[in-house]
PDB file of N, CA and C in Angstrom:
ATOM      1  N   MET A   1     -13.120 -13.434  17.637  1.00  0.00           N
ATOM      2  CA  MET A   1     -12.393 -12.210  17.903  1.00  0.00           C
ATOM      3  C   MET A   1     -12.937 -11.556  19.166  1.00  0.00           C
ATOM      4  N   ARG A   2     -12.036 -10.943  19.938  1.00  0.00           N
ATOM      5  CA  ARG A   2     -12.446 -10.248  21.158  1.00  0.00           C
ATOM      6  C   ARG A   2     -13.223  -8.989  20.797  1.00  0.00           C
ATOM      7  N   GLU A   3     -14.256  -8.677  21.581  1.00  0.00           N
ATOM      8  CA  GLU A   3     -15.043  -7.465  21.354  1.00  0.00           C
ATOM      9  C   GLU A   3     -14.221  -6.203  21.537  1.00  0.00           C
ATOM     10  N   GLU A   4     -13.237  -6.235  22.459  1.00  0.00           N
ATOM     11  CA  GLU A   4     -12.474  -5.025  22.746  1.00  0.00           C
ATOM     12  C   GLU A   4     -11.334  -4.783  21.755  1.00  0.00           C
ATOM     13  N   SER A   5     -11.215  -5.610  20.739  1.00  0.00           N
ATOM     14  CA  SER A   5     -10.163  -5.423  19.747  1.00  0.00           C
ATOM     15  C   SER A   5     -10.377  -4.147  18.947  1.00  0.00           C
ATOM     16  N   ALA A   6      -9.287  -3.562  18.534  1.00  0.00           N
ATOM     17  CA  ALA A   6      -9.300  -2.395  17.656  1.00  0.00           C
ATOM     18  C   ALA A   6      -8.335  -2.713  16.519  1.00  0.00           C
ATOM     19  N   LEU A   7      -8.857  -3.367  15.474  1.00  0.00           N
ATOM     20  CA  LEU A   7      -8.017  -3.867  14.396  1.00  0.00           C
ATOM     21  C   LEU A   7      -7.858  -2.836  13.287  1.00  0.00           C
ATOM     22  N   TYR A   8      -6.605  -2.614  12.917  1.00  0.00           N
ATOM     23  CA  TYR A   8      -6.253  -1.669  11.863  1.00  0.00           C
ATOM     24  C   TYR A   8      -5.270  -2.331  10.906  1.00  0.00           C
ATOM     25  N   ILE A   9      -5.282  -1.865   9.665  1.00  0.00           N
ATOM     26  CA  ILE A   9      -4.339  -2.351   8.665  1.00  0.00           C
ATOM     27  C   ILE A   9      -3.519  -1.178   8.174  1.00  0.00           C
ATOM     28  N   GLY A  10      -2.217  -1.401   8.078  1.00  0.00           N
ATOM     29  CA  GLY A  10      -1.306  -0.414   7.501  1.00  0.00           C
ATOM     30  C   GLY A  10      -0.686  -0.989   6.244  1.00  0.00           C
ATOM     31  N   ILE A  11      -0.627  -0.161   5.196  1.00  0.00           N
ATOM     32  CA  ILE A  11      -0.068  -0.587   3.913  1.00  0.00           C
ATOM     33  C   ILE A  11       1.087   0.345   3.565  1.00  0.00           C
ATOM     34  N   MET A  12       2.212  -0.250   3.162  1.00  0.00           N
ATOM     35  CA  MET A  12       3.380   0.548   2.791  1.00  0.00           C
ATOM     36  C   MET A  12       4.016  -0.044   1.545  1.00  0.00           C
ATOM     37  N   SER A  13       4.288   0.815   0.597  1.00  0.00           N
ATOM     38  CA  SER A  13       5.083   0.425  -0.570  1.00  0.00           C
ATOM     39  C   SER A  13       6.076   1.552  -0.770  1.00  0.00           C
ATOM     40  N   GLY A  14       7.326   1.237  -0.629  1.00  0.00           N
ATOM     41  CA  GLY A  14       8.335   2.291  -0.591  1.00  0.00           C
ATOM     42  C   GLY A  14       9.065   2.513  -1.891  1.00  0.00           C
ATOM     43  N   THR A  15      10.043   3.382  -1.818  1.00  0.00           N
ATOM     44  CA  THR A  15      10.804   3.756  -3.000  1.00  0.00           C
ATOM     45  C   THR A  15      11.739   2.651  -3.482  1.00  0.00           C
ATOM     46  N   SER A  16      11.882   1.578  -2.695  1.00  0.00           N
ATOM     47  CA  SER A  16      12.690   0.442  -3.142  1.00  0.00           C
ATOM     48  C   SER A  16      12.018  -0.288  -4.307  1.00  0.00           C
ATOM     49  N   LEU A  17      10.713  -0.087  -4.447  1.00  0.00           N
ATOM     50  CA  LEU A  17       9.915  -0.698  -5.516  1.00  0.00           C
ATOM     51  C   LEU A  17       9.969  -2.225  -5.505  1.00  0.00           C
ATOM     52  N   ASP A  18      10.140  -2.805  -4.318  1.00  0.00           N
ATOM     53  CA  ASP A  18      10.157  -4.264  -4.256  1.00  0.00           C
ATOM     54  C   ASP A  18       8.751  -4.849  -4.111  1.00  0.00           C
ATOM     55  N   GLY A  19       7.834  -4.099  -3.514  1.00  0.00           N
ATOM     56  CA  GLY A  19       6.483  -4.608  -3.363  1.00  0.00           C
ATOM     57  C   GLY A  19       5.714  -3.907  -2.272  1.00  0.00           C
ATOM     58  N   ILE A  20       4.696  -4.596  -1.780  1.00  0.00           N
ATOM     59  CA  ILE A  20       3.751  -4.038  -0.821  1.00  0.00           C
ATOM     60  C   ILE A  20       3.847  -4.809   0.495  1.00  0.00           C
ATOM     61  N   ASP A  21       4.023  -4.074   1.587  1.00  0.00           N
ATOM     62  CA  ASP A  21       3.968  -4.658   2.932  1.00  0.00           C
ATOM     63  C   ASP A  21       2.646  -4.270   3.559  1.00  0.00           C
ATOM     64  N   VAL A  22       1.969  -5.258   4.142  1.00  0.00           N
ATOM     65  CA  VAL A  22       0.691  -5.025   4.805  1.00  0.00           C
ATOM     66  C   VAL A  22       0.780  -5.590   6.214  1.00  0.00           C
ATOM     67  N   ALA A  23       0.323  -4.803   7.191  1.00  0.00           N
ATOM     68  CA  ALA A  23       0.372  -5.239   8.585  1.00  0.00           C
ATOM     69  C   ALA A  23      -1.008  -5.112   9.218  1.00  0.00           C
ATOM     70  N   LEU A  24      -1.364  -6.113  10.010  1.00  0.00           N
ATOM     71  CA  LEU A  24      -2.604  -6.107  10.789  1.00  0.00           C
ATOM     72  C   LEU A  24      -2.208  -5.917  12.244  1.00  0.00           C
ATOM     73  N   VAL A  25      -2.716  -4.855  12.849  1.00  0.00           N
ATOM     74  CA  VAL A  25      -2.375  -4.568  14.240  1.00  0.00           C
ATOM     75  C   VAL A  25      -3.641  -4.394  15.076  1.00  0.00           C
ATOM     76  N   ASP A  26      -3.503  -4.735  16.342  1.00  0.00           N
ATOM     77  CA  ASP A  26      -4.561  -4.503  17.322  1.00  0.00           C
ATOM     78  C   ASP A  26      -4.087  -3.370  18.214  1.00  0.00           C
ATOM     79  N   LEU A  27      -4.812  -2.267  18.200  1.00  0.00           N
ATOM     80  CA  LEU A  27      -4.421  -1.089  18.976  1.00  0.00           C
ATOM     81  C   LEU A  27      -5.330  -0.869  20.181  1.00  0.00           C
ATOM     82  N   ALA A  28      -6.010  -1.920  20.632  1.00  0.00           N
ATOM     83  CA  ALA A  28      -6.947  -1.785  21.750  1.00  0.00           C
ATOM     84  C   ALA A  28      -6.240  -1.372  23.037  1.00  0.00           C
ATOM     85  N   ALA A  29      -5.116  -1.929  23.327  1.00  0.00           N
ATOM     86  CA  ALA A  29      -4.369  -1.590  24.546  1.00  0.00           C
ATOM     87  C   ALA A  29      -2.913  -1.410  24.144  1.00  0.00           C
ATOM     88  N   THR A  30      -2.124  -2.452  24.361  1.00  0.00           N
ATOM     89  CA  THR A  30      -0.742  -2.438  23.899  1.00  0.00           C
ATOM     90  C   THR A  30      -0.741  -2.769  22.415  1.00  0.00           C
ATOM     91  N   PRO A  31      -0.147  -1.920  21.567  1.00  0.00           N
ATOM     92  CA  PRO A  31      -0.119  -2.233  20.135  1.00  0.00           C
ATOM     93  C   PRO A  31       0.492  -3.611  19.892  1.00  0.00           C
ATOM     94  N   THR A  32      -0.228  -4.427  19.133  1.00  0.00           N
ATOM     95  CA  THR A  32       0.188  -5.796  18.890  1.00  0.00           C
ATOM     96  C   THR A  32       0.099  -6.100  17.403  1.00  0.00           C
ATOM     97  N   LEU A  33       1.211  -6.558  16.830  1.00  0.00           N
ATOM     98  CA  LEU A  33       1.211  -7.001  15.446  1.00  0.00           C
ATOM     99  C   LEU A  33       0.604  -8.394  15.410  1.00  0.00           C
ATOM    100  N   LEU A  34      -0.486  -8.539  14.667  1.00  0.00           N
ATOM    101  CA  LEU A  34      -1.175  -9.824  14.593  1.00  0.00           C
ATOM    102  C   LEU A  34      -0.763 -10.636  13.367  1.00  0.00           C
ATOM    103  N   ALA A  35      -0.484  -9.948  12.273  1.00  0.00           N
ATOM    104  CA  ALA A  35      -0.093 -10.646  11.042  1.00  0.00           C
ATOM    105  C   ALA A  35       0.520  -9.644  10.084  1.00  0.00           C
ATOM    106  N   SER A  36       1.316 -10.174   9.157  1.00  0.00           N
ATOM    107  CA  SER A  36       1.887  -9.334   8.113  1.00  0.00           C
ATOM    108  C   SER A  36       1.926 -10.135   6.814  1.00  0.00           C
ATOM    109  N   HIS A  37       2.034  -9.387   5.727  1.00  0.00           N
ATOM    110  CA  HIS A  37       2.070 -10.018   4.403  1.00  0.00           C
ATOM    111  C   HIS A  37       2.904  -9.141   3.481  1.00  0.00           C
ATOM    112  N   PHE A  38       3.719  -9.782   2.641  1.00  0.00           N
ATOM    113  CA  PHE A  38       4.479  -9.074   1.623  1.00  0.00           C
ATOM    114  C   PHE A  38       4.052  -9.584   0.261  1.00  0.00           C
ATOM    115  N   GLN A  39       3.744  -8.656  -0.625  1.00  0.00           N
ATOM    116  CA  GLN A  39       3.372  -9.006  -1.997  1.00  0.00           C
ATOM    117  C   GLN A  39       4.341  -8.293  -2.941  1.00  0.00           C
ATOM    118  N   PRO A  40       5.208  -9.047  -3.618  1.00  0.00           N
ATOM    119  CA  PRO A  40       6.175  -8.396  -4.507  1.00  0.00           C
ATOM    120  C   PRO A  40       5.496  -7.778  -5.725  1.00  0.00           C
ATOM    121  N   TYR A  41       6.108  -6.717  -6.223  1.00  0.00           N
ATOM    122  CA  TYR A  41       5.652  -6.121  -7.473  1.00  0.00           C
ATOM    123  C   TYR A  41       6.120  -6.991  -8.635  1.00  0.00           C
ATOM    124  N   SER A  42       5.314  -7.042  -9.675  1.00  0.00           N
ATOM    125  CA  SER A  42       5.731  -7.713 -10.906  1.00  0.00           C
ATOM    126  C   SER A  42       6.768  -6.832 -11.604  1.00  0.00           C
ATOM    127  N   PRO A  43       7.609  -7.412 -12.443  1.00  0.00           N
ATOM    128  CA  PRO A  43       8.563  -6.602 -13.202  1.00  0.00           C
ATOM    129  C   PRO A  43       7.866  -5.511 -14.037  1.00  0.00           C
ATOM    130  N   THR A  44       6.680  -5.804 -14.545  1.00  0.00           N
ATOM    131  CA  THR A  44       5.924  -4.815 -15.322  1.00  0.00           C
ATOM    132  C   THR A  44       5.519  -3.637 -14.454  1.00  0.00           C
ATOM    133  N   ARG A  45       5.060  -3.918 -13.221  1.00  0.00           N
ATOM    134  CA  ARG A  45       4.660  -2.834 -12.315  1.00  0.00           C
ATOM    135  C   ARG A  45       5.870  -1.965 -11.954  1.00  0.00           C
ATOM    136  N   VAL A  46       6.999  -2.604 -11.695  1.00  0.00           N
ATOM    137  CA  VAL A  46       8.211  -1.860 -11.372  1.00  0.00           C
ATOM    138  C   VAL A  46       8.591  -0.945 -12.539  1.00  0.00           C
ATOM    139  N   ALA A  47       8.558  -1.466 -13.753  1.00  0.00           N
ATOM    140  CA  ALA A  47       8.913  -0.662 -14.931  1.00  0.00           C
ATOM    141  C   ALA A  47       7.968   0.527 -15.091  1.00  0.00           C
ATOM    142  N   THR A  48       6.686   0.290 -14.888  1.00  0.00           N
ATOM    143  CA  THR A  48       5.701   1.369 -15.000  1.00  0.00           C
ATOM    144  C   THR A  48       5.957   2.444 -13.952  1.00  0.00           C
ATOM    145  N   LEU A  49       6.238   2.040 -12.721  1.00  0.00           N
ATOM    146  CA  LEU A  49       6.506   3.004 -11.653  1.00  0.00           C
ATOM    147  C   LEU A  49       7.796   3.771 -11.916  1.00  0.00           C
ATOM    148  N   LEU A  50       8.815   3.089 -12.411  1.00  0.00           N
ATOM    149  CA  LEU A  50      10.070   3.769 -12.726  1.00  0.00           C
ATOM    150  C   LEU A  50       9.881   4.799 -13.836  1.00  0.00           C
ATOM    151  N   ASP A  51       9.029   4.497 -14.806  1.00  0.00           N
ATOM    152  CA  ASP A  51       8.740   5.448 -15.884  1.00  0.00           C
ATOM    153  C   ASP A  51       8.165   6.750 -15.339  1.00  0.00           C
ATOM    154  N   LEU A  52       7.432   6.664 -14.226  1.00  0.00           N
ATOM    155  CA  LEU A  52       6.802   7.853 -13.651  1.00  0.00           C
ATOM    156  C   LEU A  52       7.767   8.685 -12.802  1.00  0.00           C
ATOM    157  N   HIS A  53       8.971   8.190 -12.596  1.00  0.00           N
ATOM    158  CA  HIS A  53       9.960   8.943 -11.819  1.00  0.00           C
ATOM    159  C   HIS A  53      10.525  10.136 -12.586  1.00  0.00           C
ATOM    160  N   VAL A  54      10.346  10.128 -13.892  1.00  0.00           N
ATOM    161  CA  VAL A  54      10.855  11.225 -14.725  1.00  0.00           C
ATOM    162  C   VAL A  54       9.727  11.773 -15.595  1.00  0.00           C
ATOM    163  N   ALA A  55       9.873  13.030 -15.962  1.00  0.00           N
ATOM    164  CA  ALA A  55       8.870  13.655 -16.822  1.00  0.00           C
ATOM    165  C   ALA A  55       8.805  12.907 -18.155  1.00  0.00           C
ATOM    166  N   GLY A  56       7.579  12.800 -18.674  1.00  0.00           N
ATOM    167  CA  GLY A  56       7.401  12.105 -19.939  1.00  0.00           C
ATOM    168  C   GLY A  56       6.089  12.481 -20.603  1.00  0.00           C
ATOM    169  N   ARG A  57       5.882  11.946 -21.766  1.00  0.00           N
ATOM    170  CA  ARG A  57       4.674  12.217 -22.531  1.00  0.00           C
ATOM    171  C   ARG A  57       3.468  11.550 -21.875  1.00  0.00           C
ATOM    172  N   ASP A  58       2.398  12.294 -21.743  1.00  0.00           N
ATOM    173  CA  ASP A  58       1.109  11.791 -21.240  1.00  0.00           C
ATOM    174  C   ASP A  58       1.234  11.166 -19.844  1.00  0.00           C
ATOM    175  N   GLU A  59       2.101  11.745 -19.016  1.00  0.00           N
ATOM    176  CA  GLU A  59       2.362  11.148 -17.704  1.00  0.00           C
ATOM    177  C   GLU A  59       1.168  11.228 -16.751  1.00  0.00           C
ATOM    178  N   LEU A  60       0.312  12.238 -16.876  1.00  0.00           N
ATOM    179  CA  LEU A  60      -0.872  12.303 -16.007  1.00  0.00           C
ATOM    180  C   LEU A  60      -1.794  11.121 -16.264  1.00  0.00           C
ATOM    181  N   HIS A  61      -2.008  10.802 -17.520  1.00  0.00           N
ATOM    182  CA  HIS A  61      -2.841   9.656 -17.874  1.00  0.00           C
ATOM    183  C   HIS A  61      -2.195   8.363 -17.363  1.00  0.00           C
ATOM    184  N   SER A  62      -0.900   8.229 -17.609  1.00  0.00           N
ATOM    185  CA  SER A  62      -0.181   7.030 -17.147  1.00  0.00           C
ATOM    186  C   SER A  62      -0.228   6.907 -15.631  1.00  0.00           C
ATOM    187  N   ALA A  63      -0.072   8.033 -14.930  1.00  0.00           N
ATOM    188  CA  ALA A  63      -0.113   8.012 -13.459  1.00  0.00           C
ATOM    189  C   ALA A  63      -1.471   7.551 -12.961  1.00  0.00           C
ATOM    190  N   GLN A  64      -2.527   8.017 -13.579  1.00  0.00           N
ATOM    191  CA  GLN A  64      -3.868   7.617 -13.123  1.00  0.00           C
ATOM    192  C   GLN A  64      -4.141   6.139 -13.398  1.00  0.00           C
ATOM    193  N   LEU A  65      -3.716   5.654 -14.544  1.00  0.00           N
ATOM    194  CA  LEU A  65      -3.883   4.226 -14.830  1.00  0.00           C
ATOM    195  C   LEU A  65      -3.074   3.383 -13.851  1.00  0.00           C
ATOM    196  N   THR A  66      -1.866   3.835 -13.554  1.00  0.00           N
ATOM    197  CA  THR A  66      -1.018   3.128 -12.590  1.00  0.00           C
ATOM    198  C   THR A  66      -1.631   3.174 -11.200  1.00  0.00           C
ATOM    199  N   ALA A  67      -2.211   4.316 -10.822  1.00  0.00           N
ATOM    200  CA  ALA A  67      -2.873   4.430  -9.515  1.00  0.00           C
ATOM    201  C   ALA A  67      -4.016   3.424  -9.404  1.00  0.00           C
ATOM    202  N   ASN A  68      -4.771   3.251 -10.480  1.00  0.00           N
ATOM    203  CA  ASN A  68      -5.857   2.261 -10.465  1.00  0.00           C
ATOM    204  C   ASN A  68      -5.310   0.854 -10.276  1.00  0.00           C
ATOM    205  N   GLN A  69      -4.209   0.547 -10.958  1.00  0.00           N
ATOM    206  CA  GLN A  69      -3.586  -0.771 -10.813  1.00  0.00           C
ATOM    207  C   GLN A  69      -3.038  -0.971  -9.406  1.00  0.00           C
ATOM    208  N   LEU A  70      -2.445   0.084  -8.846  1.00  0.00           N
ATOM    209  CA  LEU A  70      -1.932  -0.009  -7.476  1.00  0.00           C
ATOM    210  C   LEU A  70      -3.055  -0.245  -6.476  1.00  0.00           C
ATOM    211  N   ALA A  71      -4.182   0.426  -6.672  1.00  0.00           N
ATOM    212  CA  ALA A  71      -5.321   0.215  -5.771  1.00  0.00           C
ATOM    213  C   ALA A  71      -5.735  -1.252  -5.780  1.00  0.00           C
ATOM    214  N   GLU A  72      -5.723  -1.851  -6.945  1.00  0.00           N
ATOM    215  CA  GLU A  72      -6.043  -3.280  -7.049  1.00  0.00           C
ATOM    216  C   GLU A  72      -4.976  -4.130  -6.356  1.00  0.00           C
ATOM    217  N   ASP A  73      -3.708  -3.765  -6.541  1.00  0.00           N
ATOM    218  CA  ASP A  73      -2.614  -4.481  -5.863  1.00  0.00           C
ATOM    219  C   ASP A  73      -2.754  -4.373  -4.342  1.00  0.00           C
ATOM    220  N   TYR A  74      -3.046  -3.159  -3.844  1.00  0.00           N
ATOM    221  CA  TYR A  74      -3.222  -2.956  -2.406  1.00  0.00           C
ATOM    222  C   TYR A  74      -4.401  -3.791  -1.886  1.00  0.00           C
ATOM    223  N   ALA A  75      -5.482  -3.825  -2.633  1.00  0.00           N
ATOM    224  CA  ALA A  75      -6.653  -4.618  -2.221  1.00  0.00           C
ATOM    225  C   ALA A  75      -6.310  -6.102  -2.178  1.00  0.00           C
ATOM    226  N   ASN A  76      -5.606  -6.590  -3.186  1.00  0.00           N
ATOM    227  CA  ASN A  76      -5.219  -8.004  -3.207  1.00  0.00           C
ATOM    228  C   ASN A  76      -4.298  -8.355  -2.039  1.00  0.00           C
ATOM    229  N   ALA A  77      -3.348  -7.479  -1.741  1.00  0.00           N
ATOM    230  CA  ALA A  77      -2.450  -7.723  -0.610  1.00  0.00           C
ATOM    231  C   ALA A  77      -3.218  -7.723   0.706  1.00  0.00           C
ATOM    232  N   THR A  78      -4.193  -6.820   0.828  1.00  0.00           N
ATOM    233  CA  THR A  78      -5.005  -6.744   2.038  1.00  0.00           C
ATOM    234  C   THR A  78      -5.855  -8.001   2.203  1.00  0.00           C
ATOM    235  N   HIS A  79      -6.454  -8.468   1.118  1.00  0.00           N
ATOM    236  CA  HIS A  79      -7.255  -9.696   1.187  1.00  0.00           C
ATOM    237  C   HIS A  79      -6.384 -10.898   1.567  1.00  0.00           C
ATOM    238  N   ALA A  80      -5.165 -10.951   1.033  1.00  0.00           N
ATOM    239  CA  ALA A  80      -4.251 -12.050   1.385  1.00  0.00           C
ATOM    240  C   ALA A  80      -3.904 -12.008   2.869  1.00  0.00           C
ATOM    241  N   LEU A  81      -3.668 -10.811   3.392  1.00  0.00           N
ATOM    242  CA  LEU A  81      -3.368 -10.655   4.819  1.00  0.00           C
ATOM    243  C   LEU A  81      -4.549 -11.134   5.670  1.00  0.00           C
ATOM    244  N   LEU A  82      -5.746 -10.690   5.326  1.00  0.00           N
ATOM    245  CA  LEU A  82      -6.934 -11.077   6.098  1.00  0.00           C
ATOM    246  C   LEU A  82      -7.162 -12.586   6.049  1.00  0.00           C
ATOM    247  N   LYS A  83      -6.919 -13.183   4.896  1.00  0.00           N
ATOM    248  CA  LYS A  83      -7.073 -14.634   4.773  1.00  0.00           C
ATOM    249  C   LYS A  83      -6.040 -15.348   5.656  1.00  0.00           C
ATOM    250  N   LYS A  84      -4.792 -14.868   5.600  1.00  0.00           N
ATOM    251  CA  LYS A  84      -3.719 -15.457   6.406  1.00  0.00           C
ATOM    252  C   LYS A  84      -4.051 -15.381   7.896  1.00  0.00           C
ATOM    253  N   ALA A  85      -4.637 -14.259   8.309  1.00  0.00           N
ATOM    254  CA  ALA A  85      -4.949 -14.041   9.727  1.00  0.00           C
ATOM    255  C   ALA A  85      -6.322 -14.569  10.123  1.00  0.00           C
ATOM    256  N   ALA A  86      -7.091 -15.053   9.156  1.00  0.00           N
ATOM    257  CA  ALA A  86      -8.462 -15.537   9.399  1.00  0.00           C
ATOM    258  C   ALA A  86      -9.315 -14.463  10.080  1.00  0.00           C
ATOM    259  N   ILE A  87      -9.255 -13.246   9.525  1.00  0.00           N
ATOM    260  CA  ILE A  87     -10.004 -12.109  10.055  1.00  0.00           C
ATOM    261  C   ILE A  87     -11.062 -11.693   9.042  1.00  0.00           C
ATOM    262  N   ASP A  88     -12.261 -11.441   9.525  1.00  0.00           N
ATOM    263  CA  ASP A  88     -13.352 -10.949   8.686  1.00  0.00           C
ATOM    264  C   ASP A  88     -13.093  -9.474   8.378  1.00  0.00           C
ATOM    265  N   PRO A  89     -13.183  -9.068   7.120  1.00  0.00           N
ATOM    266  CA  PRO A  89     -12.950  -7.656   6.772  1.00  0.00           C
ATOM    267  C   PRO A  89     -13.820  -6.680   7.563  1.00  0.00           C
ATOM    268  N   ARG A  90     -14.987  -7.109   7.982  1.00  0.00           N
ATOM    269  CA  ARG A  90     -15.881  -6.223   8.746  1.00  0.00           C
ATOM    270  C   ARG A  90     -15.352  -5.908  10.133  1.00  0.00           C
ATOM    271  N   ASP A  91     -14.330  -6.655  10.579  1.00  0.00           N
ATOM    272  CA  ASP A  91     -13.737  -6.405  11.892  1.00  0.00           C
ATOM    273  C   ASP A  91     -12.648  -5.331  11.864  1.00  0.00           C
ATOM    274  N   ILE A  92     -12.306  -4.854  10.679  1.00  0.00           N
ATOM    275  CA  ILE A  92     -11.256  -3.848  10.535  1.00  0.00           C
ATOM    276  C   ILE A  92     -11.863  -2.456  10.694  1.00  0.00           C
ATOM    277  N   ARG A  93     -11.271  -1.662  11.586  1.00  0.00           N
ATOM    278  CA  ARG A  93     -11.772  -0.292  11.813  1.00  0.00           C
ATOM    279  C   ARG A  93     -11.347   0.683  10.732  1.00  0.00           C
ATOM    280  N   ALA A  94     -10.106   0.569  10.291  1.00  0.00           N
ATOM    281  CA  ALA A  94      -9.602   1.496   9.274  1.00  0.00           C
ATOM    282  C   ALA A  94      -8.359   0.918   8.619  1.00  0.00           C
ATOM    283  N   ILE A  95      -8.078   1.431   7.423  1.00  0.00           N
ATOM    284  CA  ILE A  95      -6.876   1.064   6.683  1.00  0.00           C
ATOM    285  C   ILE A  95      -6.136   2.357   6.356  1.00  0.00           C
ATOM    286  N   GLY A  96      -4.841   2.359   6.638  1.00  0.00           N
ATOM    287  CA  GLY A  96      -4.001   3.507   6.283  1.00  0.00           C
ATOM    288  C   GLY A  96      -3.015   3.093   5.210  1.00  0.00           C
ATOM    289  N   CYS A  97      -2.886   3.941   4.197  1.00  0.00           N
ATOM    290  CA  CYS A  97      -1.975   3.644   3.100  1.00  0.00           C
ATOM    291  C   CYS A  97      -1.269   4.924   2.676  1.00  0.00           C
ATOM    292  N   HIS A  98       0.042   4.946   2.762  1.00  0.00           N
ATOM    293  CA  HIS A  98       0.851   6.104   2.378  1.00  0.00           C
ATOM    294  C   HIS A  98       0.784   6.340   0.883  1.00  0.00           C
ATOM    295  N   GLY A  99       0.687   5.289   0.105  1.00  0.00           N
ATOM    296  CA  GLY A  99       0.744   5.404  -1.344  1.00  0.00           C
ATOM    297  C   GLY A  99       2.149   5.139  -1.839  1.00  0.00           C
ATOM    298  N   GLN A 100       2.289   5.103  -3.142  1.00  0.00           N
ATOM    299  CA  GLN A 100       3.573   4.815  -3.765  1.00  0.00           C
ATOM    300  C   GLN A 100       4.207   6.106  -4.258  1.00  0.00           C
ATOM    301  N   THR A 101       5.393   6.423  -3.752  1.00  0.00           N
ATOM    302  CA  THR A 101       6.109   7.601  -4.224  1.00  0.00           C
ATOM    303  C   THR A 101       6.563   7.361  -5.661  1.00  0.00           C
ATOM    304  N   VAL A 102       6.214   8.294  -6.535  1.00  0.00           N
ATOM    305  CA  VAL A 102       6.641   8.187  -7.929  1.00  0.00           C
ATOM    306  C   VAL A 102       7.558   9.334  -8.344  1.00  0.00           C
ATOM    307  N   ARG A 103       7.527  10.407  -7.594  1.00  0.00           N
ATOM    308  CA  ARG A 103       8.466  11.498  -7.886  1.00  0.00           C
ATOM    309  C   ARG A 103       8.731  12.272  -6.607  1.00  0.00           C
ATOM    310  N   HIS A 104       9.976  12.251  -6.178  1.00  0.00           N
ATOM    311  CA  HIS A 104      10.384  12.922  -4.942  1.00  0.00           C
ATOM    312  C   HIS A 104      11.387  14.006  -5.305  1.00  0.00           C
ATOM    313  N   ARG A 105      10.963  15.256  -5.173  1.00  0.00           N
ATOM    314  CA  ARG A 105      11.807  16.392  -5.542  1.00  0.00           C
ATOM    315  C   ARG A 105      11.824  17.431  -4.422  1.00  0.00           C
ATOM    316  N   PRO A 106      12.467  17.098  -3.285  1.00  0.00           N
ATOM    317  CA  PRO A 106      12.485  18.055  -2.176  1.00  0.00           C
ATOM    318  C   PRO A 106      13.149  19.381  -2.543  1.00  0.00           C
ATOM    319  N   GLU A 107      14.080  19.339  -3.496  1.00  0.00           N
ATOM    320  CA  GLU A 107      14.731  20.575  -3.922  1.00  0.00           C
ATOM    321  C   GLU A 107      13.745  21.544  -4.573  1.00  0.00           C
ATOM    322  N   ASN A 108      12.627  20.995  -5.067  1.00  0.00           N
ATOM    323  CA  ASN A 108      11.570  21.811  -5.664  1.00  0.00           C
ATOM    324  C   ASN A 108      10.359  21.938  -4.735  1.00  0.00           C
ATOM    325  N   GLY A 109      10.460  21.348  -3.552  1.00  0.00           N
ATOM    326  CA  GLY A 109       9.399  21.492  -2.560  1.00  0.00           C
ATOM    327  C   GLY A 109       8.231  20.537  -2.711  1.00  0.00           C
ATOM    328  N   TYR A 110       8.433  19.379  -3.357  1.00  0.00           N
ATOM    329  CA  TYR A 110       7.310  18.451  -3.463  1.00  0.00           C
ATOM    330  C   TYR A 110       7.746  16.993  -3.485  1.00  0.00           C
ATOM    331  N   SER A 111       6.786  16.151  -3.155  1.00  0.00           N
ATOM    332  CA  SER A 111       6.913  14.708  -3.287  1.00  0.00           C
ATOM    333  C   SER A 111       5.535  14.217  -3.741  1.00  0.00           C
ATOM    334  N   LEU A 112       5.510  13.361  -4.733  1.00  0.00           N
ATOM    335  CA  LEU A 112       4.232  12.925  -5.317  1.00  0.00           C
ATOM    336  C   LEU A 112       4.034  11.436  -5.084  1.00  0.00           C
ATOM    337  N   GLN A 113       2.897  11.102  -4.480  1.00  0.00           N
ATOM    338  CA  GLN A 113       2.538   9.703  -4.253  1.00  0.00           C
ATOM    339  C   GLN A 113       1.238   9.379  -4.983  1.00  0.00           C
ATOM    340  N   LEU A 114       1.134   8.155  -5.464  1.00  0.00           N
ATOM    341  CA  LEU A 114      -0.106   7.667  -6.047  1.00  0.00           C
ATOM    342  C   LEU A 114      -0.907   6.954  -4.969  1.00  0.00           C
ATOM    343  N   ASN A 115      -2.212   7.139  -5.007  1.00  0.00           N
ATOM    344  CA  ASN A 115      -3.186   6.534  -4.107  1.00  0.00           C
ATOM    345  C   ASN A 115      -3.097   7.199  -2.757  1.00  0.00           C
TER     346      ASN A 115
END
């Protein structure tokens, strides 16, 4: 790897609930996409996330458990990206992750994301 590289990872999982997109970019000079990876959500993960879109019993507990599972999913997707790109994790400067939107209520002035 070049010494002047500035490697960053971006993670996005949107309201489509299809999965996780991970991108490896070099921002040293001209932004350059070096690699990308898509990891689909399992049907179980999709069902769990959909359950959090509406008010329900014990939803705070469920949200936190789901957030822990998502963190693991994000880590697995990131490791797959790094393996695909043959990049050492120590070469990454930072990782940005928006999180997973589970309740979007602009009419009430809020949007809630996990992680």
